[in-house]
Amino acid sequence: MDIYAAVTERIMAQLEAGQIPWQKPWVAAGQAVSHVTGRPYSLLNQMLLGQPGEYVTFHQCMAEGGHVRKGEKASIVVFWKFIEQEDETTGETKQIPFLRYYSVFHLSQCESLTARYTPRLPNAAHADQQAEAVMASYVQRSGVTIHHQDGDQAFYQPSTDSITLPRMEQFTSTTAYYSTAFHELIHSTGHEKRLNRLNHNLYPCWFTEGSVFALPVSCHSSTWQLMILGVEWEQPMKQIPQMAAWRGQLLFEDVGAVPYHR
């Protein structure tokens, strides 16, 4: 039996059957949101506010029977849209960007208001002793750092050689946490201090248009790592949708590429 061909054929069959809906394996936390609507602010406004939680305008606070404590300073959020305006010279109607800003207060700056949209975290992931040992060993040997924080992102940042993950309590299962963690750890192996796989000159195939290697390798490697550790894997093919964009590319033309990169 050609195990390389068997694994590749199984993956291709999943892709041919259609994409499996990918679900984010954690619940977002640590975002700045509107107290009135519960909607998260834009990325720019998240940066301007700098603190997670719910925000209200002065009038919104008063309308709910609350009040802003004396001496508290407001933060600003910006909002823009296109509006129509007539050109005075040509008479033509043009779309121009219109920017506005609002002053808002964090709920901690207000009294008599209760938070409405504090996310309920799953608390479904639990530390696995073997997986933790593997991660700790790699961190010690490689020098990469792992940061856990309230948030809605998981990523590896080459410039700081660091990995950022949501807190374990945010993940929907133990598998979800460790598959995400190992996925980012695999990305970190490409740092110049290790495989130097992120070097454009040494490995141009990782950077050219239609590159098919980085994401599939991380997906498969994290899956194999969980299998080796015996961590329960509810849906072994769940990472397939992340690779659907690469179907028909070189990686799948080489039947040995999929199981080889693990």
C-alpha atoms as a PDB file:
ATOM      1  CA  MET A   1       0.000   0.000   0.000  1.00  0.00           C
ATOM      2  CA  ASP A   2       1.309   3.429  -0.976  1.00  0.00           C
ATOM      3  CA  ILE A   3       0.536   5.412   2.190  1.00  0.00           C
ATOM      4  CA  TYR A   4       1.561   8.681   0.520  1.00  0.00           C
ATOM      5  CA  ALA A   5      -0.930   8.205  -2.287  1.00  0.00           C
ATOM      6  CA  ALA A   6      -3.622   7.006   0.131  1.00  0.00           C
ATOM      7  CA  VAL A   7      -3.371  10.095   2.316  1.00  0.00           C
ATOM      8  CA  THR A   8      -3.360  12.431  -0.674  1.00  0.00           C
ATOM      9  CA  GLU A   9      -6.330  10.665  -2.279  1.00  0.00           C
ATOM     10  CA  ARG A  10      -8.344  10.995   0.909  1.00  0.00           C
ATOM     11  CA  ILE A  11      -7.663  14.719   1.095  1.00  0.00           C
ATOM     12  CA  MET A  12      -8.473  15.231  -2.558  1.00  0.00           C
ATOM     13  CA  ALA A  13     -11.752  13.349  -2.118  1.00  0.00           C
ATOM     14  CA  GLN A  14     -12.711  15.718   0.686  1.00  0.00           C
ATOM     15  CA  LEU A  15     -11.939  18.722  -1.497  1.00  0.00           C
ATOM     16  CA  GLU A  16     -13.832  17.342  -4.469  1.00  0.00           C
ATOM     17  CA  ALA A  17     -16.869  16.815  -2.230  1.00  0.00           C
ATOM     18  CA  GLY A  18     -16.906  20.517  -1.397  1.00  0.00           C
ATOM     19  CA  GLN A  19     -15.450  22.689   1.326  1.00  0.00           C
ATOM     20  CA  ILE A  20     -16.196  21.750   4.880  1.00  0.00           C
ATOM     21  CA  PRO A  21     -17.271  24.913   6.735  1.00  0.00           C
ATOM     22  CA  TRP A  22     -14.346  26.029   8.879  1.00  0.00           C
ATOM     23  CA  GLN A  23     -15.237  27.160  12.334  1.00  0.00           C
ATOM     24  CA  LYS A  24     -12.989  29.366  14.405  1.00  0.00           C
ATOM     25  CA  PRO A  25     -11.986  27.116  17.327  1.00  0.00           C
ATOM     26  CA  TRP A  26     -12.154  29.809  19.990  1.00  0.00           C
ATOM     27  CA  VAL A  27     -14.516  32.476  21.305  1.00  0.00           C
ATOM     28  CA  ALA A  28     -13.337  36.034  20.813  1.00  0.00           C
ATOM     29  CA  ALA A  29     -12.518  37.978  23.958  1.00  0.00           C
ATOM     30  CA  GLY A  30     -10.773  41.191  24.768  1.00  0.00           C
ATOM     31  CA  GLN A  31     -12.399  43.345  22.092  1.00  0.00           C
ATOM     32  CA  ALA A  32     -13.734  46.862  22.444  1.00  0.00           C
ATOM     33  CA  VAL A  33     -17.463  46.849  21.621  1.00  0.00           C
ATOM     34  CA  SER A  34     -20.394  49.224  21.599  1.00  0.00           C
ATOM     35  CA  HIS A  35     -22.459  48.948  24.761  1.00  0.00           C
ATOM     36  CA  VAL A  36     -25.597  49.750  22.758  1.00  0.00           C
ATOM     37  CA  THR A  37     -25.217  47.300  19.858  1.00  0.00           C
ATOM     38  CA  GLY A  38     -22.574  44.842  21.004  1.00  0.00           C
ATOM     39  CA  ARG A  39     -20.733  45.258  17.711  1.00  0.00           C
ATOM     40  CA  PRO A  40     -16.916  45.257  17.850  1.00  0.00           C
ATOM     41  CA  TYR A  41     -15.266  48.486  16.788  1.00  0.00           C
ATOM     42  CA  SER A  42     -13.080  48.531  13.673  1.00  0.00           C
ATOM     43  CA  LEU A  43      -9.425  47.587  13.937  1.00  0.00           C
ATOM     44  CA  LEU A  44      -8.431  51.263  13.823  1.00  0.00           C
ATOM     45  CA  ASN A  45     -10.819  52.086  16.652  1.00  0.00           C
ATOM     46  CA  GLN A  46      -9.600  49.075  18.638  1.00  0.00           C
ATOM     47  CA  MET A  47      -6.141  50.618  18.442  1.00  0.00           C
ATOM     48  CA  LEU A  48      -7.411  54.079  19.379  1.00  0.00           C
ATOM     49  CA  LEU A  49      -9.334  52.790  22.396  1.00  0.00           C
ATOM     50  CA  GLY A  50      -6.584  50.474  23.585  1.00  0.00           C
ATOM     51  CA  GLN A  51      -8.694  48.718  26.217  1.00  0.00           C
ATOM     52  CA  PRO A  52     -11.225  45.897  25.774  1.00  0.00           C
ATOM     53  CA  GLY A  53     -14.751  46.224  27.086  1.00  0.00           C
ATOM     54  CA  GLU A  54     -17.914  48.158  26.376  1.00  0.00           C
ATOM     55  CA  TYR A  55     -18.056  51.841  25.457  1.00  0.00           C
ATOM     56  CA  VAL A  56     -20.834  54.459  25.468  1.00  0.00           C
ATOM     57  CA  THR A  57     -21.191  58.064  24.460  1.00  0.00           C
ATOM     58  CA  PHE A  58     -22.047  60.597  27.155  1.00  0.00           C
ATOM     59  CA  HIS A  59     -25.663  60.839  25.970  1.00  0.00           C
ATOM     60  CA  GLN A  60     -26.053  57.039  25.759  1.00  0.00           C
ATOM     61  CA  CYS A  61     -24.838  56.770  29.326  1.00  0.00           C
ATOM     62  CA  MET A  62     -27.303  59.398  30.520  1.00  0.00           C
ATOM     63  CA  ALA A  63     -30.171  57.815  28.555  1.00  0.00           C
ATOM     64  CA  GLU A  64     -29.702  54.562  30.478  1.00  0.00           C
ATOM     65  CA  GLY A  65     -29.783  56.319  33.824  1.00  0.00           C
ATOM     66  CA  GLY A  66     -26.043  56.266  34.357  1.00  0.00           C
ATOM     67  CA  HIS A  67     -23.471  59.012  34.578  1.00  0.00           C
ATOM     68  CA  VAL A  68     -19.814  59.515  33.760  1.00  0.00           C
ATOM     69  CA  ARG A  69     -17.675  59.977  36.847  1.00  0.00           C
ATOM     70  CA  LYS A  70     -16.292  63.449  37.360  1.00  0.00           C
ATOM     71  CA  GLY A  71     -12.829  63.968  35.915  1.00  0.00           C
ATOM     72  CA  GLU A  72     -12.939  61.030  33.478  1.00  0.00           C
ATOM     73  CA  LYS A  73     -11.520  61.705  30.024  1.00  0.00           C
ATOM     74  CA  ALA A  74     -13.175  60.445  26.858  1.00  0.00           C
ATOM     75  CA  SER A  75     -11.561  58.436  24.066  1.00  0.00           C
ATOM     76  CA  ILE A  76     -12.378  58.947  20.416  1.00  0.00           C
ATOM     77  CA  VAL A  77     -13.667  56.556  17.774  1.00  0.00           C
ATOM     78  CA  VAL A  78     -13.823  57.485  14.113  1.00  0.00           C
ATOM     79  CA  PHE A  79     -16.429  56.723  11.500  1.00  0.00           C
ATOM     80  CA  TRP A  80     -16.371  57.486   7.797  1.00  0.00           C
ATOM     81  CA  LYS A  81     -18.558  56.892   4.796  1.00  0.00           C
ATOM     82  CA  PHE A  82     -18.952  58.211   1.259  1.00  0.00           C
ATOM     83  CA  ILE A  83     -21.387  61.060   0.705  1.00  0.00           C
ATOM     84  CA  GLU A  84     -22.542  62.734  -2.486  1.00  0.00           C
ATOM     85  CA  GLN A  85     -21.464  66.299  -3.119  1.00  0.00           C
ATOM     86  CA  GLU A  86     -21.971  68.507  -6.154  1.00  0.00           C
ATOM     87  CA  ASP A  87     -18.871  69.954  -7.780  1.00  0.00           C
ATOM     88  CA  GLU A  88     -19.263  73.746  -7.820  1.00  0.00           C
ATOM     89  CA  THR A  89     -17.369  74.054 -11.089  1.00  0.00           C
ATOM     90  CA  THR A  90     -18.733  71.222 -13.211  1.00  0.00           C
ATOM     91  CA  GLY A  91     -22.014  70.562 -11.445  1.00  0.00           C
ATOM     92  CA  GLU A  92     -21.220  66.861 -11.361  1.00  0.00           C
ATOM     93  CA  THR A  93     -22.090  64.789  -8.322  1.00  0.00           C
ATOM     94  CA  LYS A  94     -19.091  63.135  -6.747  1.00  0.00           C
ATOM     95  CA  GLN A  95     -18.605  60.601  -3.981  1.00  0.00           C
ATOM     96  CA  ILE A  96     -16.287  61.967  -1.326  1.00  0.00           C
ATOM     97  CA  PRO A  97     -15.167  60.395   1.948  1.00  0.00           C
ATOM     98  CA  PHE A  98     -16.699  61.955   5.040  1.00  0.00           C
ATOM     99  CA  LEU A  99     -15.020  61.450   8.393  1.00  0.00           C
ATOM    100  CA  ARG A 100     -16.588  61.938  11.798  1.00  0.00           C
ATOM    101  CA  TYR A 101     -15.464  61.157  15.309  1.00  0.00           C
ATOM    102  CA  TYR A 102     -17.284  60.456  18.538  1.00  0.00           C
ATOM    103  CA  SER A 103     -16.224  60.710  22.143  1.00  0.00           C
ATOM    104  CA  VAL A 104     -16.864  57.558  24.140  1.00  0.00           C
ATOM    105  CA  PHE A 105     -16.307  56.330  27.681  1.00  0.00           C
ATOM    106  CA  HIS A 106     -15.387  52.878  28.919  1.00  0.00           C
ATOM    107  CA  LEU A 107     -17.971  51.376  31.254  1.00  0.00           C
ATOM    108  CA  SER A 108     -15.371  51.440  34.040  1.00  0.00           C
ATOM    109  CA  GLN A 109     -15.545  55.249  33.771  1.00  0.00           C
ATOM    110  CA  CYS A 110     -19.301  55.219  34.316  1.00  0.00           C
ATOM    111  CA  GLU A 111     -21.594  54.470  37.222  1.00  0.00           C
ATOM    112  CA  SER A 112     -24.966  52.714  37.304  1.00  0.00           C
ATOM    113  CA  LEU A 113     -24.343  50.835  34.049  1.00  0.00           C
ATOM    114  CA  THR A 114     -24.013  47.055  33.701  1.00  0.00           C
ATOM    115  CA  ALA A 115     -22.083  45.285  30.954  1.00  0.00           C
ATOM    116  CA  ARG A 116     -24.286  43.474  28.444  1.00  0.00           C
ATOM    117  CA  TYR A 117     -21.907  41.709  26.132  1.00  0.00           C
ATOM    118  CA  THR A 118     -19.262  40.041  28.255  1.00  0.00           C
ATOM    119  CA  PRO A 119     -18.471  36.898  26.242  1.00  0.00           C
ATOM    120  CA  ARG A 120     -19.150  33.520  27.803  1.00  0.00           C
ATOM    121  CA  LEU A 121     -15.988  31.497  27.434  1.00  0.00           C
ATOM    122  CA  PRO A 122     -16.255  27.763  26.686  1.00  0.00           C
ATOM    123  CA  ASN A 123     -13.711  26.666  29.336  1.00  0.00           C
ATOM    124  CA  ALA A 124     -13.701  23.367  27.458  1.00  0.00           C
ATOM    125  CA  ALA A 125      -9.966  22.977  26.827  1.00  0.00           C
ATOM    126  CA  HIS A 126      -7.741  21.324  29.394  1.00  0.00           C
ATOM    127  CA  ALA A 127      -3.976  21.032  29.664  1.00  0.00           C
ATOM    128  CA  ASP A 128      -2.547  17.825  28.191  1.00  0.00           C
ATOM    129  CA  GLN A 129       0.615  16.738  29.966  1.00  0.00           C
ATOM    130  CA  GLN A 130       2.366  15.251  26.941  1.00  0.00           C
ATOM    131  CA  ALA A 131       1.475  18.121  24.639  1.00  0.00           C
ATOM    132  CA  GLU A 132       2.618  20.662  27.228  1.00  0.00           C
ATOM    133  CA  ALA A 133       5.928  18.821  27.587  1.00  0.00           C
ATOM    134  CA  VAL A 134       6.538  18.902  23.830  1.00  0.00           C
ATOM    135  CA  MET A 135       5.705  22.606  23.645  1.00  0.00           C
ATOM    136  CA  ALA A 136       7.889  23.462  26.647  1.00  0.00           C
ATOM    137  CA  SER A 137      10.811  21.488  25.215  1.00  0.00           C
ATOM    138  CA  TYR A 138      10.555  23.238  21.857  1.00  0.00           C
ATOM    139  CA  VAL A 139      10.299  26.672  23.458  1.00  0.00           C
ATOM    140  CA  GLN A 140      13.356  25.986  25.621  1.00  0.00           C
ATOM    141  CA  ARG A 141      15.460  24.688  22.731  1.00  0.00           C
ATOM    142  CA  SER A 142      14.358  27.187  20.089  1.00  0.00           C
ATOM    143  CA  GLY A 143      14.007  30.394  22.074  1.00  0.00           C
ATOM    144  CA  VAL A 144      10.613  31.227  20.587  1.00  0.00           C
ATOM    145  CA  THR A 145       8.193  32.853  23.031  1.00  0.00           C
ATOM    146  CA  ILE A 146       4.477  32.164  23.443  1.00  0.00           C
ATOM    147  CA  HIS A 147       2.070  34.842  24.660  1.00  0.00           C
ATOM    148  CA  HIS A 148      -1.499  34.108  25.737  1.00  0.00           C
ATOM    149  CA  GLN A 149      -3.936  37.001  25.820  1.00  0.00           C
ATOM    150  CA  ASP A 150      -7.592  37.904  25.565  1.00  0.00           C
ATOM    151  CA  GLY A 151      -8.208  38.418  21.906  1.00  0.00           C
ATOM    152  CA  ASP A 152      -9.391  36.997  18.614  1.00  0.00           C
ATOM    153  CA  GLN A 153      -6.157  36.084  16.845  1.00  0.00           C
ATOM    154  CA  ALA A 154      -3.573  33.311  16.705  1.00  0.00           C
ATOM    155  CA  PHE A 155      -0.372  34.055  14.778  1.00  0.00           C
ATOM    156  CA  TYR A 156       3.399  33.726  14.575  1.00  0.00           C
ATOM    157  CA  GLN A 157       5.360  36.966  14.202  1.00  0.00           C
ATOM    158  CA  PRO A 158       8.841  36.435  12.697  1.00  0.00           C
ATOM    159  CA  SER A 159      10.109  39.930  13.589  1.00  0.00           C
ATOM    160  CA  THR A 160       9.806  39.192  17.314  1.00  0.00           C
ATOM    161  CA  ASP A 161      10.066  35.408  16.969  1.00  0.00           C
ATOM    162  CA  SER A 162       6.931  35.086  19.066  1.00  0.00           C
ATOM    163  CA  ILE A 163       3.587  33.319  18.996  1.00  0.00           C
ATOM    164  CA  THR A 164       0.351  34.913  20.175  1.00  0.00           C
ATOM    165  CA  LEU A 165      -2.573  32.694  21.156  1.00  0.00           C
ATOM    166  CA  PRO A 166      -5.958  33.281  22.766  1.00  0.00           C
ATOM    167  CA  ARG A 167      -6.195  32.003  26.326  1.00  0.00           C
ATOM    168  CA  MET A 168      -6.945  28.305  26.737  1.00  0.00           C
ATOM    169  CA  GLU A 169     -10.323  29.146  28.300  1.00  0.00           C
ATOM    170  CA  GLN A 170     -11.435  30.654  24.986  1.00  0.00           C
ATOM    171  CA  PHE A 171     -11.018  27.415  22.998  1.00  0.00           C
ATOM    172  CA  THR A 172     -13.899  25.073  22.276  1.00  0.00           C
ATOM    173  CA  SER A 173     -11.922  21.896  23.033  1.00  0.00           C
ATOM    174  CA  THR A 174      -8.524  20.575  24.050  1.00  0.00           C
ATOM    175  CA  THR A 175      -7.897  19.525  20.456  1.00  0.00           C
ATOM    176  CA  ALA A 176      -8.796  23.002  19.206  1.00  0.00           C
ATOM    177  CA  TYR A 177      -6.227  24.605  21.501  1.00  0.00           C
ATOM    178  CA  TYR A 178      -3.323  22.282  20.735  1.00  0.00           C
ATOM    179  CA  SER A 179      -3.979  22.088  16.993  1.00  0.00           C
ATOM    180  CA  THR A 180      -3.817  25.889  16.889  1.00  0.00           C
ATOM    181  CA  ALA A 181      -0.735  26.044  19.110  1.00  0.00           C
ATOM    182  CA  PHE A 182       1.185  23.436  17.099  1.00  0.00           C
ATOM    183  CA  HIS A 183       0.101  25.091  13.848  1.00  0.00           C
ATOM    184  CA  GLU A 184       1.810  28.321  14.911  1.00  0.00           C
ATOM    185  CA  LEU A 185       4.818  26.467  16.345  1.00  0.00           C
ATOM    186  CA  ILE A 186       5.341  24.843  12.944  1.00  0.00           C
ATOM    187  CA  HIS A 187       5.305  28.291  11.331  1.00  0.00           C
ATOM    188  CA  SER A 188       8.051  29.338  13.764  1.00  0.00           C
ATOM    189  CA  THR A 189      10.377  26.630  12.468  1.00  0.00           C
ATOM    190  CA  GLY A 190      10.843  28.777   9.369  1.00  0.00           C
ATOM    191  CA  HIS A 191      12.707  31.488  11.313  1.00  0.00           C
ATOM    192  CA  GLU A 192      16.262  32.269  10.187  1.00  0.00           C
ATOM    193  CA  LYS A 193      17.610  30.803  13.451  1.00  0.00           C
ATOM    194  CA  ARG A 194      16.072  27.445  12.548  1.00  0.00           C
ATOM    195  CA  LEU A 195      15.226  26.191   9.045  1.00  0.00           C
ATOM    196  CA  ASN A 196      15.482  29.685   7.559  1.00  0.00           C
ATOM    197  CA  ARG A 197      12.477  28.775   5.446  1.00  0.00           C
ATOM    198  CA  LEU A 198      11.243  32.376   5.465  1.00  0.00           C
ATOM    199  CA  ASN A 199      14.288  33.511   3.480  1.00  0.00           C
ATOM    200  CA  HIS A 200      12.979  34.653   0.094  1.00  0.00           C
ATOM    201  CA  ASN A 201      16.282  34.019  -1.661  1.00  0.00           C
ATOM    202  CA  LEU A 202      16.788  30.511  -0.316  1.00  0.00           C
ATOM    203  CA  TYR A 203      13.177  29.343  -0.655  1.00  0.00           C
ATOM    204  CA  PRO A 204      11.470  31.416  -3.375  1.00  0.00           C
ATOM    205  CA  CYS A 205       8.739  28.778  -3.842  1.00  0.00           C
ATOM    206  CA  TRP A 206       7.267  29.823  -0.492  1.00  0.00           C
ATOM    207  CA  PHE A 207       6.766  33.388  -1.672  1.00  0.00           C
ATOM    208  CA  THR A 208       5.881  33.242  -5.350  1.00  0.00           C
ATOM    209  CA  GLU A 209       2.325  33.671  -6.585  1.00  0.00           C
ATOM    210  CA  GLY A 210       0.417  30.437  -6.116  1.00  0.00           C
ATOM    211  CA  SER A 211       2.771  29.241  -3.369  1.00  0.00           C
ATOM    212  CA  VAL A 212       1.271  26.098  -1.899  1.00  0.00           C
ATOM    213  CA  PHE A 213       3.570  25.130   0.908  1.00  0.00           C
ATOM    214  CA  ALA A 214       3.420  27.209   4.095  1.00  0.00           C
ATOM    215  CA  LEU A 215      -0.194  26.755   5.201  1.00  0.00           C
ATOM    216  CA  PRO A 216      -0.667  23.101   4.164  1.00  0.00           C
ATOM    217  CA  VAL A 217       2.607  22.116   5.839  1.00  0.00           C
ATOM    218  CA  SER A 218       1.539  23.747   9.100  1.00  0.00           C
ATOM    219  CA  CYS A 219      -1.933  22.196   8.890  1.00  0.00           C
ATOM    220  CA  HIS A 220      -0.640  18.694   8.291  1.00  0.00           C
ATOM    221  CA  SER A 221       2.223  18.967  10.755  1.00  0.00           C
ATOM    222  CA  SER A 222      -0.066  20.003  13.600  1.00  0.00           C
ATOM    223  CA  THR A 223      -2.438  17.143  12.762  1.00  0.00           C
ATOM    224  CA  TRP A 224       0.362  14.578  12.749  1.00  0.00           C
ATOM    225  CA  GLN A 225       1.700  15.960  16.033  1.00  0.00           C
ATOM    226  CA  LEU A 226      -1.663  15.500  17.742  1.00  0.00           C
ATOM    227  CA  MET A 227      -1.917  11.965  16.376  1.00  0.00           C
ATOM    228  CA  ILE A 228       1.548  11.091  17.678  1.00  0.00           C
ATOM    229  CA  LEU A 229       0.716  12.484  21.125  1.00  0.00           C
ATOM    230  CA  GLY A 230      -2.610  10.688  21.224  1.00  0.00           C
ATOM    231  CA  VAL A 231      -4.600  13.874  21.711  1.00  0.00           C
ATOM    232  CA  GLU A 232      -8.194  13.153  20.720  1.00  0.00           C
ATOM    233  CA  TRP A 233      -8.867  14.534  17.243  1.00  0.00           C
ATOM    234  CA  GLU A 234     -12.599  14.946  16.723  1.00  0.00           C
ATOM    235  CA  GLN A 235     -12.426  15.787  13.009  1.00  0.00           C
ATOM    236  CA  PRO A 236      -9.092  14.800  11.418  1.00  0.00           C
ATOM    237  CA  MET A 237     -10.020  16.496   8.148  1.00  0.00           C
ATOM    238  CA  LYS A 238     -11.194  19.751   9.686  1.00  0.00           C
ATOM    239  CA  GLN A 239      -8.183  21.677   8.401  1.00  0.00           C
ATOM    240  CA  ILE A 240      -8.884  20.690   4.793  1.00  0.00           C
ATOM    241  CA  PRO A 241     -10.936  23.846   4.009  1.00  0.00           C
ATOM    242  CA  GLN A 242      -7.941  26.009   4.825  1.00  0.00           C
ATOM    243  CA  MET A 243      -6.140  24.334   1.935  1.00  0.00           C
ATOM    244  CA  ALA A 244      -8.980  24.319  -0.568  1.00  0.00           C
ATOM    245  CA  ALA A 245      -7.513  27.311  -2.369  1.00  0.00           C
ATOM    246  CA  TRP A 246      -4.479  25.207  -3.189  1.00  0.00           C
ATOM    247  CA  ARG A 247      -6.338  22.335  -4.849  1.00  0.00           C
ATOM    248  CA  GLY A 248      -4.803  21.317  -8.126  1.00  0.00           C
ATOM    249  CA  GLN A 249      -1.520  22.999  -7.275  1.00  0.00           C
ATOM    250  CA  LEU A 250       1.893  21.360  -7.208  1.00  0.00           C
ATOM    251  CA  LEU A 251       1.566  20.109  -3.654  1.00  0.00           C
ATOM    252  CA  PHE A 252      -1.236  17.740  -4.604  1.00  0.00           C
ATOM    253  CA  GLU A 253       0.357  16.778  -7.893  1.00  0.00           C
ATOM    254  CA  ASP A 254       3.186  15.280  -5.834  1.00  0.00           C
ATOM    255  CA  VAL A 255       1.402  12.518  -3.931  1.00  0.00           C
ATOM    256  CA  GLY A 256       4.267  12.293  -1.473  1.00  0.00           C
ATOM    257  CA  ALA A 257       4.229  15.938  -0.497  1.00  0.00           C
ATOM    258  CA  VAL A 258       1.261  15.846   1.856  1.00  0.00           C
ATOM    259  CA  PRO A 259       2.363  13.120   4.290  1.00  0.00           C
ATOM    260  CA  TYR A 260       6.053  13.943   3.857  1.00  0.00           C
ATOM    261  CA  HIS A 261       5.823  17.443   5.351  1.00  0.00           C
ATOM    262  CA  ARG A 262       4.945  16.562   8.914  1.00  0.00           C
END
